[in-house]
């Protein structure tokens, strides 16, 4: 088990002599049974990601998921109380994945400006599929995050869910990036705000480039390269201006 300075964890579990698999410690109130811990749970996550991406969250139901899995709807309810918590679980998983990538890629980097560039790169390229997470398609999951993630906290139950700690992975990722920003410029007053703005900018601008191109300066072709340059520009211009 690895604990970073913000006290949330990931596990690298040896599943065979040839491969290492990744599992994250997520808020316990998200689920009744953690799907990371069983083969059925892995199938549930794989198929849920595929179906939510295909249908959209509004049209997605546990009944349709059970049909896709050739399983009973009741079995799915043994893992999640409702589809909102499933979406929130997927969102938290993705945020932990981004945080993990930042930790690994910046592990031996001392320069704070380079650390921020790495963090931005990881936030943009976290959709690259990995052998460490064979039951999660990161590319499809990113499509869901890009289109649906705001539905996890723009809800009437946000305060009670926040009290239950369901947004901790989001908060910890923001704190991780904000800490780097503060190390670059200790006089910068808006580190948390900038950190969350960068993450949301990446998701929103990617969405706009694909679906609403008049709302972004990015072009659909080569979007990740343009996006990384743009986000770095906004980040460092803001920090250094201050």
C-alpha atoms as a PDB file:
ATOM      1  CA  UNK A   1       0.000   0.000   0.000  1.00  0.00           C
ATOM      2  CA  UNK A   2       1.189   3.486  -0.854  1.00  0.00           C
ATOM      3  CA  UNK A   3       0.029   6.516   1.138  1.00  0.00           C
ATOM      4  CA  UNK A   4       0.739   9.964  -0.235  1.00  0.00           C
ATOM      5  CA  UNK A   5       0.775  13.123   1.835  1.00  0.00           C
ATOM      6  CA  UNK A   6      -2.986  13.533   1.463  1.00  0.00           C
ATOM      7  CA  UNK A   7      -3.780  10.112   2.952  1.00  0.00           C
ATOM      8  CA  UNK A   8      -5.526   8.356   0.121  1.00  0.00           C
ATOM      9  CA  UNK A   9      -4.190   5.126  -1.230  1.00  0.00           C
ATOM     10  CA  UNK A  10      -3.658   2.841  -4.116  1.00  0.00           C
ATOM     11  CA  UNK A  11      -2.617  -0.758  -4.181  1.00  0.00           C
ATOM     12  CA  UNK A  12      -0.579  -2.651  -6.744  1.00  0.00           C
ATOM     13  CA  UNK A  13      -1.718  -6.251  -6.552  1.00  0.00           C
ATOM     14  CA  UNK A  14       0.182  -9.102  -8.158  1.00  0.00           C
ATOM     15  CA  UNK A  15      -2.411 -11.096 -10.095  1.00  0.00           C
ATOM     16  CA  UNK A  16       0.090 -13.373 -11.854  1.00  0.00           C
ATOM     17  CA  UNK A  17       3.820 -13.770 -12.320  1.00  0.00           C
ATOM     18  CA  UNK A  18       3.627 -11.709 -15.484  1.00  0.00           C
ATOM     19  CA  UNK A  19       1.384  -8.778 -14.597  1.00  0.00           C
ATOM     20  CA  UNK A  20       0.734  -6.220 -11.897  1.00  0.00           C
ATOM     21  CA  UNK A  21      -2.745  -4.809 -11.440  1.00  0.00           C
ATOM     22  CA  UNK A  22      -3.807  -1.554  -9.848  1.00  0.00           C
ATOM     23  CA  UNK A  23      -6.592  -1.043  -7.313  1.00  0.00           C
ATOM     24  CA  UNK A  24      -7.624   2.144  -5.521  1.00  0.00           C
ATOM     25  CA  UNK A  25      -8.987   2.748  -2.040  1.00  0.00           C
ATOM     26  CA  UNK A  26     -12.206   4.680  -2.675  1.00  0.00           C
ATOM     27  CA  UNK A  27     -14.704   6.201  -0.195  1.00  0.00           C
ATOM     28  CA  UNK A  28     -16.542   3.274   1.376  1.00  0.00           C
ATOM     29  CA  UNK A  29     -19.982   4.918   1.232  1.00  0.00           C
ATOM     30  CA  UNK A  30     -19.877   4.855  -2.552  1.00  0.00           C
ATOM     31  CA  UNK A  31     -20.617   1.151  -2.678  1.00  0.00           C
ATOM     32  CA  UNK A  32     -22.140  -1.791  -0.836  1.00  0.00           C
ATOM     33  CA  UNK A  33     -19.410  -4.089  -2.154  1.00  0.00           C
ATOM     34  CA  UNK A  34     -16.281  -2.807  -3.883  1.00  0.00           C
ATOM     35  CA  UNK A  35     -16.322  -4.082  -7.486  1.00  0.00           C
ATOM     36  CA  UNK A  36     -12.518  -3.945  -7.614  1.00  0.00           C
ATOM     37  CA  UNK A  37     -12.445  -6.986  -5.323  1.00  0.00           C
ATOM     38  CA  UNK A  38     -14.198  -9.590  -7.478  1.00  0.00           C
ATOM     39  CA  UNK A  39     -14.281 -10.877 -11.050  1.00  0.00           C
ATOM     40  CA  UNK A  40     -18.001 -10.080 -11.260  1.00  0.00           C
ATOM     41  CA  UNK A  41     -17.246  -6.558 -10.053  1.00  0.00           C
ATOM     42  CA  UNK A  42     -14.630  -6.169 -12.770  1.00  0.00           C
ATOM     43  CA  UNK A  43     -17.204  -7.258 -15.369  1.00  0.00           C
ATOM     44  CA  UNK A  44     -19.678  -4.813 -13.876  1.00  0.00           C
ATOM     45  CA  UNK A  45     -17.277  -1.874 -14.249  1.00  0.00           C
ATOM     46  CA  UNK A  46     -16.192  -2.878 -17.751  1.00  0.00           C
ATOM     47  CA  UNK A  47     -19.754  -3.177 -19.012  1.00  0.00           C
ATOM     48  CA  UNK A  48     -21.022  -0.114 -17.128  1.00  0.00           C
ATOM     49  CA  UNK A  49     -18.362   2.069 -18.738  1.00  0.00           C
ATOM     50  CA  UNK A  50     -19.192   0.714 -22.186  1.00  0.00           C
ATOM     51  CA  UNK A  51     -22.942   1.151 -21.722  1.00  0.00           C
ATOM     52  CA  UNK A  52     -22.865   4.626 -20.137  1.00  0.00           C
ATOM     53  CA  UNK A  53     -20.569   5.778 -22.938  1.00  0.00           C
ATOM     54  CA  UNK A  54     -22.913   4.274 -25.526  1.00  0.00           C
ATOM     55  CA  UNK A  55     -26.279   5.391 -24.112  1.00  0.00           C
ATOM     56  CA  UNK A  56     -25.467   8.423 -21.970  1.00  0.00           C
ATOM     57  CA  UNK A  57     -26.096   8.521 -18.228  1.00  0.00           C
ATOM     58  CA  UNK A  58     -29.765   9.535 -18.484  1.00  0.00           C
ATOM     59  CA  UNK A  59     -30.680   6.475 -20.568  1.00  0.00           C
ATOM     60  CA  UNK A  60     -28.465   4.081 -18.622  1.00  0.00           C
ATOM     61  CA  UNK A  61     -30.207   1.747 -16.148  1.00  0.00           C
ATOM     62  CA  UNK A  62     -29.187  -1.246 -14.049  1.00  0.00           C
ATOM     63  CA  UNK A  63     -31.775  -3.293 -15.959  1.00  0.00           C
ATOM     64  CA  UNK A  64     -29.989  -2.543 -19.239  1.00  0.00           C
ATOM     65  CA  UNK A  65     -26.622  -3.219 -17.617  1.00  0.00           C
ATOM     66  CA  UNK A  66     -27.828  -6.593 -16.339  1.00  0.00           C
ATOM     67  CA  UNK A  67     -29.048  -7.496 -19.829  1.00  0.00           C
ATOM     68  CA  UNK A  68     -25.685  -6.545 -21.342  1.00  0.00           C
ATOM     69  CA  UNK A  69     -23.872  -8.623 -18.726  1.00  0.00           C
ATOM     70  CA  UNK A  70     -26.355 -11.519 -19.039  1.00  0.00           C
ATOM     71  CA  UNK A  71     -26.829 -11.155 -15.301  1.00  0.00           C
ATOM     72  CA  UNK A  72     -29.639 -10.273 -12.914  1.00  0.00           C
ATOM     73  CA  UNK A  73     -30.342  -6.665 -11.980  1.00  0.00           C
ATOM     74  CA  UNK A  74     -30.378  -7.807  -8.335  1.00  0.00           C
ATOM     75  CA  UNK A  75     -26.690  -8.777  -8.527  1.00  0.00           C
ATOM     76  CA  UNK A  76     -25.767  -5.227  -9.567  1.00  0.00           C
ATOM     77  CA  UNK A  77     -27.689  -3.790  -6.613  1.00  0.00           C
ATOM     78  CA  UNK A  78     -25.449  -5.849  -4.327  1.00  0.00           C
ATOM     79  CA  UNK A  79     -22.634  -3.501  -5.368  1.00  0.00           C
ATOM     80  CA  UNK A  80     -24.360  -0.106  -5.763  1.00  0.00           C
ATOM     81  CA  UNK A  81     -27.563   1.352  -4.333  1.00  0.00           C
ATOM     82  CA  UNK A  82     -28.250   3.380  -7.474  1.00  0.00           C
ATOM     83  CA  UNK A  83     -26.741   4.531 -10.749  1.00  0.00           C
ATOM     84  CA  UNK A  84     -25.755   7.928  -9.347  1.00  0.00           C
ATOM     85  CA  UNK A  85     -23.367   6.260  -6.898  1.00  0.00           C
ATOM     86  CA  UNK A  86     -22.003   4.088  -9.704  1.00  0.00           C
ATOM     87  CA  UNK A  87     -21.240   7.202 -11.773  1.00  0.00           C
ATOM     88  CA  UNK A  88     -19.675   8.857  -8.730  1.00  0.00           C
ATOM     89  CA  UNK A  89     -17.594   5.707  -8.162  1.00  0.00           C
ATOM     90  CA  UNK A  90     -16.305   5.837 -11.751  1.00  0.00           C
ATOM     91  CA  UNK A  91     -15.520   9.525 -11.365  1.00  0.00           C
ATOM     92  CA  UNK A  92     -13.586   8.880  -8.129  1.00  0.00           C
ATOM     93  CA  UNK A  93     -11.715   5.990  -9.729  1.00  0.00           C
ATOM     94  CA  UNK A  94     -10.625   8.229 -12.594  1.00  0.00           C
ATOM     95  CA  UNK A  95      -9.476  10.982 -10.229  1.00  0.00           C
ATOM     96  CA  UNK A  96      -7.398   8.462  -8.276  1.00  0.00           C
ATOM     97  CA  UNK A  97      -5.932   7.238 -11.559  1.00  0.00           C
ATOM     98  CA  UNK A  98      -4.881  10.794 -12.484  1.00  0.00           C
ATOM     99  CA  UNK A  99      -3.356  11.299  -9.021  1.00  0.00           C
ATOM    100  CA  UNK A 100      -1.484   8.001  -9.316  1.00  0.00           C
ATOM    101  CA  UNK A 101      -0.024   9.026 -12.686  1.00  0.00           C
ATOM    102  CA  UNK A 102       1.115  12.370 -11.266  1.00  0.00           C
ATOM    103  CA  UNK A 103       2.782  10.617  -8.316  1.00  0.00           C
ATOM    104  CA  UNK A 104       4.606   8.119 -10.513  1.00  0.00           C
ATOM    105  CA  UNK A 105       5.698  10.546 -13.231  1.00  0.00           C
ATOM    106  CA  UNK A 106       6.921  13.241 -10.815  1.00  0.00           C
ATOM    107  CA  UNK A 107       8.459  10.916  -8.231  1.00  0.00           C
ATOM    108  CA  UNK A 108      12.077  11.923  -8.860  1.00  0.00           C
ATOM    109  CA  UNK A 109      11.432  15.454 -10.143  1.00  0.00           C
ATOM    110  CA  UNK A 110      12.507  18.235  -7.754  1.00  0.00           C
ATOM    111  CA  UNK A 111      11.721  21.311  -9.861  1.00  0.00           C
ATOM    112  CA  UNK A 112       8.195  22.560  -9.092  1.00  0.00           C
ATOM    113  CA  UNK A 113       7.608  24.036 -12.541  1.00  0.00           C
ATOM    114  CA  UNK A 114       8.467  20.698 -14.123  1.00  0.00           C
ATOM    115  CA  UNK A 115       6.158  18.986 -11.616  1.00  0.00           C
ATOM    116  CA  UNK A 116       3.274  21.214 -12.721  1.00  0.00           C
ATOM    117  CA  UNK A 117       3.978  20.487 -16.389  1.00  0.00           C
ATOM    118  CA  UNK A 118       3.939  16.778 -15.560  1.00  0.00           C
ATOM    119  CA  UNK A 119       0.662  17.138 -13.638  1.00  0.00           C
ATOM    120  CA  UNK A 120      -0.946  18.917 -16.592  1.00  0.00           C
ATOM    121  CA  UNK A 121       0.380  16.271 -18.986  1.00  0.00           C
ATOM    122  CA  UNK A 122      -1.039  13.505 -16.782  1.00  0.00           C
ATOM    123  CA  UNK A 123      -4.444  15.172 -16.531  1.00  0.00           C
ATOM    124  CA  UNK A 124      -4.597  15.406 -20.332  1.00  0.00           C
ATOM    125  CA  UNK A 125      -3.223  11.959 -21.157  1.00  0.00           C
ATOM    126  CA  UNK A 126      -4.849   9.913 -18.372  1.00  0.00           C
ATOM    127  CA  UNK A 127      -7.150   8.491 -21.053  1.00  0.00           C
ATOM    128  CA  UNK A 128      -4.331   6.322 -22.416  1.00  0.00           C
ATOM    129  CA  UNK A 129      -5.180   2.693 -21.749  1.00  0.00           C
ATOM    130  CA  UNK A 130      -2.979   0.797 -19.302  1.00  0.00           C
ATOM    131  CA  UNK A 131      -2.216  -2.874 -18.701  1.00  0.00           C
ATOM    132  CA  UNK A 132      -2.398  -2.133 -14.968  1.00  0.00           C
ATOM    133  CA  UNK A 133      -6.159  -1.692 -15.247  1.00  0.00           C
ATOM    134  CA  UNK A 134      -7.323  -4.354 -17.693  1.00  0.00           C
ATOM    135  CA  UNK A 135     -10.990  -4.157 -16.648  1.00  0.00           C
ATOM    136  CA  UNK A 136     -11.109  -0.360 -17.065  1.00  0.00           C
ATOM    137  CA  UNK A 137     -10.979   1.242 -20.489  1.00  0.00           C
ATOM    138  CA  UNK A 138      -9.465   4.622 -19.600  1.00  0.00           C
ATOM    139  CA  UNK A 139     -10.294   6.096 -22.979  1.00  0.00           C
ATOM    140  CA  UNK A 140     -14.012   5.312 -22.678  1.00  0.00           C
ATOM    141  CA  UNK A 141     -13.980   6.369 -19.034  1.00  0.00           C
ATOM    142  CA  UNK A 142     -12.512   9.740 -20.004  1.00  0.00           C
ATOM    143  CA  UNK A 143     -15.375  10.202 -22.471  1.00  0.00           C
ATOM    144  CA  UNK A 144     -17.791   9.666 -19.574  1.00  0.00           C
ATOM    145  CA  UNK A 145     -15.871  12.053 -17.296  1.00  0.00           C
ATOM    146  CA  UNK A 146     -15.800  14.673 -20.036  1.00  0.00           C
ATOM    147  CA  UNK A 147     -19.560  14.444 -20.675  1.00  0.00           C
ATOM    148  CA  UNK A 148     -21.089  13.316 -17.389  1.00  0.00           C
ATOM    149  CA  UNK A 149     -18.843  14.144 -14.415  1.00  0.00           C
ATOM    150  CA  UNK A 150     -20.632  17.370 -13.448  1.00  0.00           C
ATOM    151  CA  UNK A 151     -23.723  15.243 -12.727  1.00  0.00           C
ATOM    152  CA  UNK A 152     -21.905  13.685  -9.792  1.00  0.00           C
ATOM    153  CA  UNK A 153     -21.857  16.905  -7.738  1.00  0.00           C
ATOM    154  CA  UNK A 154     -24.376  19.251  -9.413  1.00  0.00           C
ATOM    155  CA  UNK A 155     -27.095  17.449  -7.473  1.00  0.00           C
ATOM    156  CA  UNK A 156     -29.407  18.327  -4.590  1.00  0.00           C
ATOM    157  CA  UNK A 157     -27.664  15.757  -2.369  1.00  0.00           C
ATOM    158  CA  UNK A 158     -24.241  17.406  -2.765  1.00  0.00           C
ATOM    159  CA  UNK A 159     -23.982  18.576   0.862  1.00  0.00           C
ATOM    160  CA  UNK A 160     -24.831  15.224   2.417  1.00  0.00           C
ATOM    161  CA  UNK A 161     -22.560  13.403  -0.036  1.00  0.00           C
ATOM    162  CA  UNK A 162     -19.774  15.832   0.761  1.00  0.00           C
ATOM    163  CA  UNK A 163     -20.301  15.185   4.484  1.00  0.00           C
ATOM    164  CA  UNK A 164     -19.983  11.453   3.766  1.00  0.00           C
ATOM    165  CA  UNK A 165     -16.607  12.030   2.103  1.00  0.00           C
ATOM    166  CA  UNK A 166     -17.694  11.019  -1.398  1.00  0.00           C
ATOM    167  CA  UNK A 167     -15.774  13.872  -3.017  1.00  0.00           C
ATOM    168  CA  UNK A 168     -12.463  13.279  -1.257  1.00  0.00           C
ATOM    169  CA  UNK A 169     -10.598  12.027  -4.350  1.00  0.00           C
ATOM    170  CA  UNK A 170     -11.579  15.229  -6.179  1.00  0.00           C
ATOM    171  CA  UNK A 171     -10.471  17.414  -3.270  1.00  0.00           C
ATOM    172  CA  UNK A 172      -7.189  15.564  -2.855  1.00  0.00           C
ATOM    173  CA  UNK A 173      -6.287  15.869  -6.532  1.00  0.00           C
ATOM    174  CA  UNK A 174      -6.949  19.605  -6.332  1.00  0.00           C
ATOM    175  CA  UNK A 175      -4.790  19.873  -3.198  1.00  0.00           C
ATOM    176  CA  UNK A 176      -2.009  17.914  -4.871  1.00  0.00           C
ATOM    177  CA  UNK A 177      -1.880  20.294  -7.841  1.00  0.00           C
ATOM    178  CA  UNK A 178      -2.429  23.372  -5.636  1.00  0.00           C
ATOM    179  CA  UNK A 179       0.560  22.379  -3.488  1.00  0.00           C
ATOM    180  CA  UNK A 180       2.775  22.358  -6.584  1.00  0.00           C
ATOM    181  CA  UNK A 181       1.434  25.772  -7.624  1.00  0.00           C
ATOM    182  CA  UNK A 182       2.194  27.195  -4.175  1.00  0.00           C
ATOM    183  CA  UNK A 183       5.733  25.823  -4.338  1.00  0.00           C
ATOM    184  CA  UNK A 184       6.250  27.692  -7.617  1.00  0.00           C
ATOM    185  CA  UNK A 185       4.955  30.977  -6.175  1.00  0.00           C
ATOM    186  CA  UNK A 186       4.217  31.108  -2.462  1.00  0.00           C
ATOM    187  CA  UNK A 187       2.530  34.531  -2.910  1.00  0.00           C
ATOM    188  CA  UNK A 188      -0.078  33.162  -5.324  1.00  0.00           C
ATOM    189  CA  UNK A 189      -3.424  33.443  -3.511  1.00  0.00           C
ATOM    190  CA  UNK A 190      -5.614  31.280  -5.703  1.00  0.00           C
ATOM    191  CA  UNK A 191      -3.849  27.919  -5.858  1.00  0.00           C
ATOM    192  CA  UNK A 192      -6.936  25.773  -5.189  1.00  0.00           C
ATOM    193  CA  UNK A 193      -9.033  27.765  -7.637  1.00  0.00           C
ATOM    194  CA  UNK A 194      -6.395  27.507 -10.337  1.00  0.00           C
ATOM    195  CA  UNK A 195      -5.896  23.780  -9.745  1.00  0.00           C
ATOM    196  CA  UNK A 196      -9.587  22.973 -10.187  1.00  0.00           C
ATOM    197  CA  UNK A 197      -9.819  25.382 -13.138  1.00  0.00           C
ATOM    198  CA  UNK A 198      -7.014  23.542 -14.940  1.00  0.00           C
ATOM    199  CA  UNK A 199      -8.678  20.155 -14.466  1.00  0.00           C
ATOM    200  CA  UNK A 200     -12.104  21.400 -15.534  1.00  0.00           C
ATOM    201  CA  UNK A 201     -10.577  23.332 -18.438  1.00  0.00           C
ATOM    202  CA  UNK A 202      -9.033  20.137 -19.770  1.00  0.00           C
ATOM    203  CA  UNK A 203     -12.363  18.293 -19.645  1.00  0.00           C
ATOM    204  CA  UNK A 204     -14.474  21.163 -20.965  1.00  0.00           C
ATOM    205  CA  UNK A 205     -12.150  22.237 -23.759  1.00  0.00           C
ATOM    206  CA  UNK A 206     -11.799  18.626 -24.917  1.00  0.00           C
ATOM    207  CA  UNK A 207     -15.597  18.390 -25.014  1.00  0.00           C
ATOM    208  CA  UNK A 208     -15.958  21.676 -26.876  1.00  0.00           C
ATOM    209  CA  UNK A 209     -13.330  20.753 -29.463  1.00  0.00           C
ATOM    210  CA  UNK A 210     -15.279  17.581 -30.239  1.00  0.00           C
ATOM    211  CA  UNK A 211     -18.872  18.819 -29.993  1.00  0.00           C
ATOM    212  CA  UNK A 212     -19.047  22.653 -29.763  1.00  0.00           C
ATOM    213  CA  UNK A 213     -15.983  23.904 -31.677  1.00  0.00           C
ATOM    214  CA  UNK A 214     -17.097  27.555 -31.710  1.00  0.00           C
ATOM    215  CA  UNK A 215     -16.600  27.615 -27.901  1.00  0.00           C
ATOM    216  CA  UNK A 216     -12.873  26.868 -28.011  1.00  0.00           C
ATOM    217  CA  UNK A 217      -9.701  27.999 -29.762  1.00  0.00           C
ATOM    218  CA  UNK A 218      -8.664  24.366 -30.151  1.00  0.00           C
ATOM    219  CA  UNK A 219      -9.014  22.429 -33.362  1.00  0.00           C
ATOM    220  CA  UNK A 220     -10.358  18.894 -33.281  1.00  0.00           C
ATOM    221  CA  UNK A 221      -7.231  17.616 -35.021  1.00  0.00           C
ATOM    222  CA  UNK A 222      -4.229  17.292 -32.656  1.00  0.00           C
ATOM    223  CA  UNK A 223      -6.350  18.497 -29.739  1.00  0.00           C
ATOM    224  CA  UNK A 224      -4.205  16.968 -26.932  1.00  0.00           C
ATOM    225  CA  UNK A 225      -1.036  18.728 -28.136  1.00  0.00           C
ATOM    226  CA  UNK A 226      -2.806  22.072 -28.519  1.00  0.00           C
ATOM    227  CA  UNK A 227      -4.625  21.595 -25.235  1.00  0.00           C
ATOM    228  CA  UNK A 228      -1.421  20.925 -23.302  1.00  0.00           C
ATOM    229  CA  UNK A 229       0.195  24.063 -24.718  1.00  0.00           C
ATOM    230  CA  UNK A 230      -2.878  26.145 -23.897  1.00  0.00           C
ATOM    231  CA  UNK A 231      -3.287  24.851 -20.332  1.00  0.00           C
ATOM    232  CA  UNK A 232       0.412  25.407 -19.605  1.00  0.00           C
ATOM    233  CA  UNK A 233       0.079  28.949 -20.942  1.00  0.00           C
ATOM    234  CA  UNK A 234      -2.895  29.743 -18.689  1.00  0.00           C
ATOM    235  CA  UNK A 235      -1.276  28.111 -15.677  1.00  0.00           C
ATOM    236  CA  UNK A 236       2.127  29.733 -15.803  1.00  0.00           C
ATOM    237  CA  UNK A 237       0.820  33.114 -16.975  1.00  0.00           C
ATOM    238  CA  UNK A 238      -1.495  33.224 -13.954  1.00  0.00           C
ATOM    239  CA  UNK A 239       1.156  32.093 -11.465  1.00  0.00           C
ATOM    240  CA  UNK A 240       3.904  34.355 -12.713  1.00  0.00           C
ATOM    241  CA  UNK A 241       1.628  37.379 -13.168  1.00  0.00           C
ATOM    242  CA  UNK A 242       0.729  37.170  -9.504  1.00  0.00           C
END
